[in-house]
Amino acid sequence: MSFCPPIHSHNTLLLFVFYTLIIIHKANKYLYFSTNIMQNAILNVIKEVYIPI
């Protein structure tokens, strides 16, 4: 039961993803294709963190 990360690290990760999405949204008109790759990478990371195998 101790292998789950603490709440603080989950909140930090959520803040990181939140600000990253804001940056991606603002840069989207300049970096459209690369931001799509970044969004897919972030979604994959979220799936791995919150839905462990």
Protein backbone atom coordinates (compact mmCIF):
# COMPACT_ATOMS: atom_id res chain seq x y z
CA MET A 1 0.00 0.00 0.00
CA SER A 2 3.05 2.26 0.24
CA PHE A 3 3.98 2.33 -3.46
CA CYS A 4 1.46 5.07 -4.29
CA PRO A 5 3.04 8.54 -4.55
CA PRO A 6 1.97 11.01 -1.87
CA ILE A 7 -0.81 13.50 -2.55
CA HIS A 8 1.70 16.35 -2.84
CA SER A 9 3.48 14.81 -5.82
CA HIS A 10 0.15 14.23 -7.57
CA ASN A 11 -0.81 17.88 -7.07
CA THR A 12 2.60 18.97 -8.35
CA LEU A 13 2.15 16.80 -11.42
CA LEU A 14 -1.31 18.23 -12.05
CA LEU A 15 0.03 21.78 -11.79
CA PHE A 16 2.87 20.91 -14.17
CA VAL A 17 0.44 19.45 -16.70
CA PHE A 18 -1.92 22.42 -16.27
CA TYR A 19 0.77 25.02 -16.96
CA THR A 20 2.23 22.92 -19.78
CA LEU A 21 -1.17 22.82 -21.47
CA ILE A 22 -1.48 26.61 -21.13
CA ILE A 23 1.95 27.08 -22.73
CA ILE A 24 1.04 24.63 -25.48
CA HIS A 25 -2.24 26.44 -26.11
CA LYS A 26 -0.49 29.81 -26.41
CA ALA A 27 2.25 28.41 -28.67
CA ASN A 28 -0.16 26.30 -30.71
CA LYS A 29 -0.44 28.76 -33.59
CA TYR A 30 3.37 28.73 -33.93
CA LEU A 31 4.13 25.08 -33.22
CA TYR A 32 0.99 23.24 -34.29
CA PHE A 33 2.45 19.85 -35.20
CA SER A 34 4.99 19.63 -32.40
CA THR A 35 2.37 20.62 -29.82
CA ASN A 36 0.13 17.78 -30.98
CA ILE A 37 3.05 15.42 -30.32
CA MET A 38 3.54 17.00 -26.88
CA GLN A 39 -0.15 16.66 -26.03
CA ASN A 40 -0.07 12.96 -26.95
CA ALA A 41 3.07 12.48 -24.85
CA ILE A 42 1.48 14.22 -21.85
CA LEU A 43 -1.68 12.12 -22.16
CA ASN A 44 0.44 8.96 -22.27
CA VAL A 45 2.32 10.04 -19.14
CA ILE A 46 -0.95 10.75 -17.33
CA LYS A 47 -2.27 7.31 -18.29
CA GLU A 48 0.92 5.66 -17.01
CA VAL A 49 0.88 7.59 -13.73
CA TYR A 50 -2.80 7.42 -12.85
CA ILE A 51 -3.64 4.06 -14.47
CA PRO A 52 -0.72 1.78 -13.51
CA ILE A 53 -0.57 -1.64 -15.13
